[in-house]
Amino acid sequence: MISKKVTERELASAYSRLFTGETGLTVLENLVSKYHRRSSFVRSDPHETSFKEGARSVILHIRAMVKKHGSHYDLENLIDE
């Protein structure tokens, strides 16, 4: 575990460096295809809905952190809300 305290700005920069390079975009595309759907709702199964929403929220968090950094990469086309 990393014990160094990082600022929100440093963290956003780290997300941007990680997910906007060629390799990072490949990994992110894979994560989006597996875990991000427009709707996480599963009829008659609230537990599955919660699970899918949790996975979806991680993808949205990555997008928000890259956007917060002000990256010139447009992840909006890759990751929609």
N, C-alpha and C. Protein backbone atom coordinates (compact mmCIF):
# COMPACT_ATOMS: atom_id res chain seq x y z
N MET A 1 0.84 -1.17 0.00
CA MET A 1 0.00 0.00 0.00
C MET A 1 0.89 1.24 0.00
N ILE A 2 0.48 2.23 -0.79
CA ILE A 2 1.22 3.47 -0.88
C ILE A 2 0.82 4.37 0.27
N SER A 3 1.82 4.88 0.99
CA SER A 3 1.51 5.71 2.15
C SER A 3 1.63 7.20 1.84
N LYS A 4 2.14 7.55 0.66
CA LYS A 4 2.30 8.95 0.29
C LYS A 4 0.94 9.61 0.11
N LYS A 5 0.77 10.75 0.74
CA LYS A 5 -0.47 11.52 0.56
C LYS A 5 -0.37 12.27 -0.77
N VAL A 6 -1.39 12.17 -1.57
CA VAL A 6 -1.42 12.90 -2.84
C VAL A 6 -2.61 13.84 -2.86
N THR A 7 -2.44 14.93 -3.56
CA THR A 7 -3.54 15.88 -3.68
C THR A 7 -4.53 15.37 -4.73
N GLU A 8 -5.70 15.94 -4.72
CA GLU A 8 -6.71 15.59 -5.72
C GLU A 8 -6.20 15.89 -7.13
N ARG A 9 -5.47 16.97 -7.27
CA ARG A 9 -4.91 17.35 -8.57
C ARG A 9 -3.88 16.31 -9.04
N GLU A 10 -3.02 15.88 -8.13
CA GLU A 10 -2.02 14.86 -8.47
C GLU A 10 -2.70 13.54 -8.85
N LEU A 11 -3.74 13.21 -8.12
CA LEU A 11 -4.47 11.98 -8.40
C LEU A 11 -5.16 12.04 -9.77
N ALA A 12 -5.79 13.17 -10.07
CA ALA A 12 -6.43 13.34 -11.37
C ALA A 12 -5.40 13.24 -12.49
N SER A 13 -4.23 13.82 -12.26
CA SER A 13 -3.15 13.74 -13.25
C SER A 13 -2.71 12.29 -13.46
N ALA A 14 -2.62 11.54 -12.37
CA ALA A 14 -2.22 10.13 -12.47
C ALA A 14 -3.26 9.32 -13.25
N TYR A 15 -4.54 9.56 -13.00
CA TYR A 15 -5.60 8.88 -13.76
C TYR A 15 -5.46 9.21 -15.24
N SER A 16 -5.25 10.48 -15.53
CA SER A 16 -5.14 10.91 -16.92
C SER A 16 -3.95 10.25 -17.61
N ARG A 17 -2.80 10.23 -16.96
CA ARG A 17 -1.62 9.58 -17.56
C ARG A 17 -1.86 8.09 -17.77
N LEU A 18 -2.53 7.47 -16.82
CA LEU A 18 -2.77 6.03 -16.90
C LEU A 18 -3.75 5.64 -18.00
N PHE A 19 -4.85 6.39 -18.11
CA PHE A 19 -5.94 5.96 -18.99
C PHE A 19 -6.01 6.66 -20.34
N THR A 20 -5.09 7.58 -20.65
CA THR A 20 -5.18 8.25 -21.95
C THR A 20 -4.06 7.87 -22.89
N GLY A 21 -3.12 7.06 -22.46
CA GLY A 21 -2.11 6.54 -23.37
C GLY A 21 -2.69 5.38 -24.17
N GLU A 22 -1.95 4.92 -25.14
CA GLU A 22 -2.44 3.84 -26.01
C GLU A 22 -2.82 2.59 -25.22
N THR A 23 -1.96 2.16 -24.31
CA THR A 23 -2.24 0.96 -23.52
C THR A 23 -3.41 1.19 -22.57
N GLY A 24 -3.42 2.34 -21.93
CA GLY A 24 -4.50 2.67 -20.99
C GLY A 24 -5.86 2.71 -21.67
N LEU A 25 -5.90 3.28 -22.88
CA LEU A 25 -7.16 3.33 -23.62
C LEU A 25 -7.63 1.94 -24.01
N THR A 26 -6.69 1.06 -24.34
CA THR A 26 -7.05 -0.32 -24.66
C THR A 26 -7.69 -1.00 -23.45
N VAL A 27 -7.07 -0.82 -22.29
CA VAL A 27 -7.60 -1.41 -21.05
C VAL A 27 -8.95 -0.78 -20.72
N LEU A 28 -9.05 0.54 -20.83
CA LEU A 28 -10.30 1.22 -20.51
C LEU A 28 -11.43 0.77 -21.45
N GLU A 29 -11.14 0.62 -22.73
CA GLU A 29 -12.15 0.14 -23.67
C GLU A 29 -12.65 -1.24 -23.26
N ASN A 30 -11.72 -2.10 -22.82
CA ASN A 30 -12.11 -3.42 -22.36
C ASN A 30 -13.00 -3.34 -21.12
N LEU A 31 -12.61 -2.51 -20.15
CA LEU A 31 -13.41 -2.35 -18.93
C LEU A 31 -14.81 -1.81 -19.25
N VAL A 32 -14.87 -0.84 -20.16
CA VAL A 32 -16.16 -0.27 -20.55
C VAL A 32 -17.03 -1.35 -21.20
N SER A 33 -16.44 -2.14 -22.07
CA SER A 33 -17.24 -3.17 -22.76
C SER A 33 -17.76 -4.23 -21.80
N LYS A 34 -17.02 -4.51 -20.73
CA LYS A 34 -17.43 -5.54 -19.79
C LYS A 34 -18.35 -5.02 -18.67
N TYR A 35 -18.11 -3.79 -18.23
CA TYR A 35 -18.75 -3.35 -16.99
C TYR A 35 -19.59 -2.09 -17.07
N HIS A 36 -19.73 -1.51 -18.25
CA HIS A 36 -20.48 -0.27 -18.33
C HIS A 36 -21.61 -0.38 -19.34
N ARG A 37 -22.79 -0.25 -18.86
CA ARG A 37 -23.97 -0.24 -19.72
C ARG A 37 -24.78 1.00 -19.36
N ARG A 38 -25.54 1.49 -20.31
CA ARG A 38 -26.37 2.66 -20.01
C ARG A 38 -27.28 2.39 -18.82
N SER A 39 -27.82 1.22 -18.78
CA SER A 39 -28.71 0.88 -17.67
C SER A 39 -28.14 -0.31 -16.92
N SER A 40 -28.07 -0.17 -15.62
CA SER A 40 -27.58 -1.26 -14.80
C SER A 40 -28.75 -2.02 -14.15
N PHE A 41 -29.96 -1.60 -14.48
CA PHE A 41 -31.15 -2.19 -13.88
C PHE A 41 -31.39 -3.61 -14.36
N VAL A 42 -31.64 -4.51 -13.41
CA VAL A 42 -32.00 -5.89 -13.73
C VAL A 42 -33.36 -6.14 -13.08
N ARG A 43 -34.34 -6.37 -13.92
CA ARG A 43 -35.70 -6.58 -13.43
C ARG A 43 -35.75 -7.73 -12.42
N SER A 44 -36.38 -7.51 -11.33
CA SER A 44 -36.63 -8.48 -10.25
C SER A 44 -35.37 -9.01 -9.56
N ASP A 45 -34.24 -8.32 -9.72
CA ASP A 45 -33.03 -8.74 -9.02
C ASP A 45 -32.25 -7.52 -8.53
N PRO A 46 -32.66 -6.98 -7.37
CA PRO A 46 -32.01 -5.77 -6.87
C PRO A 46 -30.53 -5.97 -6.53
N HIS A 47 -30.15 -7.19 -6.18
CA HIS A 47 -28.74 -7.44 -5.87
C HIS A 47 -27.87 -7.36 -7.12
N GLU A 48 -28.35 -7.92 -8.21
CA GLU A 48 -27.63 -7.84 -9.48
C GLU A 48 -27.59 -6.39 -9.97
N THR A 49 -28.67 -5.67 -9.79
CA THR A 49 -28.70 -4.25 -10.15
C THR A 49 -27.64 -3.49 -9.37
N SER A 50 -27.56 -3.73 -8.08
CA SER A 50 -26.57 -3.06 -7.24
C SER A 50 -25.15 -3.41 -7.67
N PHE A 51 -24.92 -4.67 -7.97
CA PHE A 51 -23.60 -5.11 -8.41
C PHE A 51 -23.21 -4.40 -9.70
N LYS A 52 -24.11 -4.38 -10.67
CA LYS A 52 -23.82 -3.76 -11.96
C LYS A 52 -23.63 -2.25 -11.82
N GLU A 53 -24.41 -1.63 -10.94
CA GLU A 53 -24.26 -0.19 -10.73
C GLU A 53 -22.92 0.12 -10.08
N GLY A 54 -22.45 -0.75 -9.20
CA GLY A 54 -21.13 -0.56 -8.59
C GLY A 54 -20.03 -0.61 -9.64
N ALA A 55 -20.09 -1.57 -10.53
CA ALA A 55 -19.10 -1.68 -11.60
C ALA A 55 -19.17 -0.45 -12.52
N ARG A 56 -20.37 -0.04 -12.84
CA ARG A 56 -20.58 1.13 -13.71
C ARG A 56 -20.02 2.39 -13.06
N SER A 57 -20.17 2.51 -11.75
CA SER A 57 -19.70 3.72 -11.07
C SER A 57 -18.18 3.84 -11.10
N VAL A 58 -17.47 2.73 -11.13
CA VAL A 58 -16.01 2.78 -11.23
C VAL A 58 -15.60 3.38 -12.58
N ILE A 59 -16.25 2.96 -13.65
CA ILE A 59 -15.95 3.49 -14.98
C ILE A 59 -16.25 4.98 -15.03
N LEU A 60 -17.38 5.40 -14.45
CA LEU A 60 -17.73 6.82 -14.44
C LEU A 60 -16.73 7.63 -13.60
N HIS A 61 -16.21 7.03 -12.55
CA HIS A 61 -15.21 7.70 -11.72
C HIS A 61 -13.92 7.93 -12.51
N ILE A 62 -13.49 6.93 -13.26
CA ILE A 62 -12.29 7.08 -14.10
C ILE A 62 -12.49 8.24 -15.07
N ARG A 63 -13.65 8.26 -15.72
CA ARG A 63 -13.94 9.33 -16.67
C ARG A 63 -13.91 10.69 -16.00
N ALA A 64 -14.49 10.79 -14.82
CA ALA A 64 -14.53 12.06 -14.10
C ALA A 64 -13.13 12.53 -13.71
N MET A 65 -12.29 11.60 -13.29
CA MET A 65 -10.93 11.97 -12.89
C MET A 65 -10.10 12.44 -14.08
N VAL A 66 -10.24 11.77 -15.22
CA VAL A 66 -9.51 12.18 -16.42
C VAL A 66 -10.01 13.56 -16.86
N LYS A 67 -11.32 13.77 -16.79
CA LYS A 67 -11.91 15.05 -17.17
C LYS A 67 -11.46 16.16 -16.21
N LYS A 68 -11.39 15.85 -14.93
CA LYS A 68 -10.97 16.82 -13.92
C LYS A 68 -9.56 17.31 -14.19
N HIS A 69 -8.72 16.44 -14.70
CA HIS A 69 -7.34 16.81 -15.01
C HIS A 69 -7.30 17.76 -16.19
N GLY A 70 -8.36 17.80 -16.97
CA GLY A 70 -8.39 18.67 -18.13
C GLY A 70 -7.69 18.06 -19.33
N SER A 71 -7.67 16.75 -19.36
CA SER A 71 -7.03 16.04 -20.45
C SER A 71 -7.69 16.41 -21.77
N HIS A 72 -6.90 16.45 -22.83
CA HIS A 72 -7.45 16.74 -24.15
C HIS A 72 -8.14 15.53 -24.76
N TYR A 73 -8.01 14.37 -24.13
CA TYR A 73 -8.68 13.19 -24.61
C TYR A 73 -10.17 13.28 -24.30
N ASP A 74 -10.98 12.95 -25.27
CA ASP A 74 -12.42 13.01 -25.08
C ASP A 74 -12.94 11.60 -24.81
N LEU A 75 -13.12 11.28 -23.53
CA LEU A 75 -13.64 9.96 -23.18
C LEU A 75 -15.15 9.92 -23.25
N GLU A 76 -15.78 11.07 -23.56
CA GLU A 76 -17.24 11.12 -23.61
C GLU A 76 -17.78 10.14 -24.65
N ASN A 77 -17.08 9.98 -25.77
CA ASN A 77 -17.55 9.06 -26.81
C ASN A 77 -17.37 7.61 -26.39
N LEU A 78 -16.36 7.36 -25.58
CA LEU A 78 -16.09 6.00 -25.11
C LEU A 78 -17.00 5.64 -23.94
N ILE A 79 -17.19 6.60 -23.04
CA ILE A 79 -17.95 6.34 -21.82
C ILE A 79 -19.10 7.33 -21.73
N ASP A 80 -20.31 6.88 -21.95
CA ASP A 80 -21.45 7.76 -21.78
C ASP A 80 -22.09 7.50 -20.41
N GLU A 81 -22.89 8.44 -19.99
CA GLU A 81 -23.53 8.27 -18.69
C GLU A 81 -24.76 7.44 -18.86
